[in-house]
Amino acid sequence: MVVGVVGIVAAGRVEAARTFALTAGLLFAAMAIWGFIDGDDVAGIFAIDTTDNISYAVLAAVGLVLGLTPETVQRNIGHPSHG
């Protein structure tokens, strides 16, 4: 829930959104890798199962792709050129 709230706050500026996407992507990637290796929990804090690991891996991929998308492409989303 906290990650979602931070994401909403960061969405107002492209630079903040990119930083958030990369940070969240790396966080979820670490959780997915740790979860696949351990299998029961992440750092003894988050109980996980295979479904959680797959979800974290997907969220990591989405975050990293969005965070690494060129800034010019991101700035043009929602502002299509009229030609």
C-alpha atoms as a PDB file:
ATOM      1  CA  MET A   1       0.000   0.000   0.000  1.00  0.00           C
ATOM      2  CA  VAL A   2       2.812   2.408   0.848  1.00  0.00           C
ATOM      3  CA  VAL A   3       4.466   1.729  -2.505  1.00  0.00           C
ATOM      4  CA  GLY A   4       1.212   2.619  -4.293  1.00  0.00           C
ATOM      5  CA  VAL A   5       0.801   5.884  -2.401  1.00  0.00           C
ATOM      6  CA  VAL A   6       4.391   6.891  -3.160  1.00  0.00           C
ATOM      7  CA  GLY A   7       3.783   6.008  -6.817  1.00  0.00           C
ATOM      8  CA  ILE A   8       0.716   8.223  -6.977  1.00  0.00           C
ATOM      9  CA  VAL A   9       2.644  11.115  -5.435  1.00  0.00           C
ATOM     10  CA  ALA A  10       5.553  10.578  -7.860  1.00  0.00           C
ATOM     11  CA  ALA A  11       3.276  10.440 -10.904  1.00  0.00           C
ATOM     12  CA  GLY A  12       2.984  14.215 -11.076  1.00  0.00           C
ATOM     13  CA  ARG A  13       6.457  14.707 -12.574  1.00  0.00           C
ATOM     14  CA  VAL A  14       8.198  12.592 -15.205  1.00  0.00           C
ATOM     15  CA  GLU A  15      11.547  12.619 -13.393  1.00  0.00           C
ATOM     16  CA  ALA A  16       9.975  11.539 -10.096  1.00  0.00           C
ATOM     17  CA  ALA A  17       7.895   8.869 -11.836  1.00  0.00           C
ATOM     18  CA  ARG A  18      10.990   7.472 -13.601  1.00  0.00           C
ATOM     19  CA  THR A  19      12.936   7.366 -10.338  1.00  0.00           C
ATOM     20  CA  PHE A  20      10.016   5.711  -8.570  1.00  0.00           C
ATOM     21  CA  ALA A  21       9.579   3.113 -11.335  1.00  0.00           C
ATOM     22  CA  LEU A  22      13.267   2.180 -11.271  1.00  0.00           C
ATOM     23  CA  THR A  23      13.410   2.050  -7.477  1.00  0.00           C
ATOM     24  CA  ALA A  24      10.221   0.003  -7.195  1.00  0.00           C
ATOM     25  CA  GLY A  25      11.409  -2.265 -10.025  1.00  0.00           C
ATOM     26  CA  LEU A  26      14.675  -2.944  -8.232  1.00  0.00           C
ATOM     27  CA  LEU A  27      12.886  -3.503  -4.918  1.00  0.00           C
ATOM     28  CA  PHE A  28      10.429  -5.977  -6.433  1.00  0.00           C
ATOM     29  CA  ALA A  29      13.246  -7.712  -8.345  1.00  0.00           C
ATOM     30  CA  ALA A  30      15.167  -8.203  -5.100  1.00  0.00           C
ATOM     31  CA  MET A  31      12.045  -9.548  -3.397  1.00  0.00           C
ATOM     32  CA  ALA A  32      11.330 -11.934  -6.283  1.00  0.00           C
ATOM     33  CA  ILE A  33      14.895 -13.258  -6.385  1.00  0.00           C
ATOM     34  CA  TRP A  34      15.038 -13.661  -2.610  1.00  0.00           C
ATOM     35  CA  GLY A  35      11.635 -15.337  -2.618  1.00  0.00           C
ATOM     36  CA  PHE A  36      12.570 -17.789  -5.389  1.00  0.00           C
ATOM     37  CA  ILE A  37      15.766 -18.691  -3.510  1.00  0.00           C
ATOM     38  CA  ASP A  38      14.299 -18.910   0.018  1.00  0.00           C
ATOM     39  CA  GLY A  39      10.798 -20.056  -0.883  1.00  0.00           C
ATOM     40  CA  ASP A  40       9.081 -19.217   2.406  1.00  0.00           C
ATOM     41  CA  ASP A  41       9.712 -15.568   3.208  1.00  0.00           C
ATOM     42  CA  VAL A  42      11.713 -12.510   2.295  1.00  0.00           C
ATOM     43  CA  ALA A  43      14.106 -11.402   5.045  1.00  0.00           C
ATOM     44  CA  GLY A  44      11.869 -13.127   7.588  1.00  0.00           C
ATOM     45  CA  ILE A  45       9.424 -10.231   7.173  1.00  0.00           C
ATOM     46  CA  PHE A  46       7.212 -10.992   4.174  1.00  0.00           C
ATOM     47  CA  ALA A  47       5.636 -14.435   3.874  1.00  0.00           C
ATOM     48  CA  ILE A  48       5.603 -15.460   0.224  1.00  0.00           C
ATOM     49  CA  ASP A  49       4.679 -18.299  -2.087  1.00  0.00           C
ATOM     50  CA  THR A  50       5.175 -19.000  -5.783  1.00  0.00           C
ATOM     51  CA  THR A  51       2.315 -16.709  -6.798  1.00  0.00           C
ATOM     52  CA  ASP A  52       3.871 -13.844  -4.835  1.00  0.00           C
ATOM     53  CA  ASN A  53       7.255 -14.488  -6.437  1.00  0.00           C
ATOM     54  CA  ILE A  54       5.757 -14.383  -9.918  1.00  0.00           C
ATOM     55  CA  SER A  55       3.828 -11.207  -9.055  1.00  0.00           C
ATOM     56  CA  TYR A  56       6.991  -9.542  -7.746  1.00  0.00           C
ATOM     57  CA  ALA A  57       8.887 -10.584 -10.878  1.00  0.00           C
ATOM     58  CA  VAL A  58       6.179  -9.103 -13.130  1.00  0.00           C
ATOM     59  CA  LEU A  59       6.062  -5.880 -11.097  1.00  0.00           C
ATOM     60  CA  ALA A  60       9.856  -5.679 -11.265  1.00  0.00           C
ATOM     61  CA  ALA A  61       9.841  -6.081 -15.040  1.00  0.00           C
ATOM     62  CA  VAL A  62       7.131  -3.441 -15.500  1.00  0.00           C
ATOM     63  CA  GLY A  63       8.889  -0.995 -13.178  1.00  0.00           C
ATOM     64  CA  LEU A  64      12.243  -1.453 -14.873  1.00  0.00           C
ATOM     65  CA  VAL A  65      10.798  -1.159 -18.378  1.00  0.00           C
ATOM     66  CA  LEU A  66       8.866   1.993 -17.479  1.00  0.00           C
ATOM     67  CA  GLY A  67      11.820   3.488 -15.630  1.00  0.00           C
ATOM     68  CA  LEU A  68      14.195   2.797 -18.517  1.00  0.00           C
ATOM     69  CA  THR A  69      11.850   4.035 -21.254  1.00  0.00           C
ATOM     70  CA  PRO A  70      13.427   7.128 -22.837  1.00  0.00           C
ATOM     71  CA  GLU A  71      12.215  10.339 -21.243  1.00  0.00           C
ATOM     72  CA  THR A  72      11.137  11.791 -24.588  1.00  0.00           C
ATOM     73  CA  VAL A  73       8.742   8.871 -25.090  1.00  0.00           C
ATOM     74  CA  GLN A  74       7.345   9.269 -21.589  1.00  0.00           C
ATOM     75  CA  ARG A  75       6.784  13.006 -22.019  1.00  0.00           C
ATOM     76  CA  ASN A  76       4.821  12.377 -25.236  1.00  0.00           C
ATOM     77  CA  ILE A  77       2.461   9.808 -23.727  1.00  0.00           C
ATOM     78  CA  GLY A  78      -0.952  11.388 -23.533  1.00  0.00           C
ATOM     79  CA  HIS A  79       0.127  14.202 -25.826  1.00  0.00           C
ATOM     80  CA  PRO A  80      -0.081  12.695 -29.313  1.00  0.00           C
ATOM     81  CA  SER A  81       0.986  14.927 -32.142  1.00  0.00           C
ATOM     82  CA  HIS A  82      -1.784  16.076 -34.406  1.00  0.00           C
ATOM     83  CA  GLY A  83      -0.698  15.530 -37.956  1.00  0.00           C
END
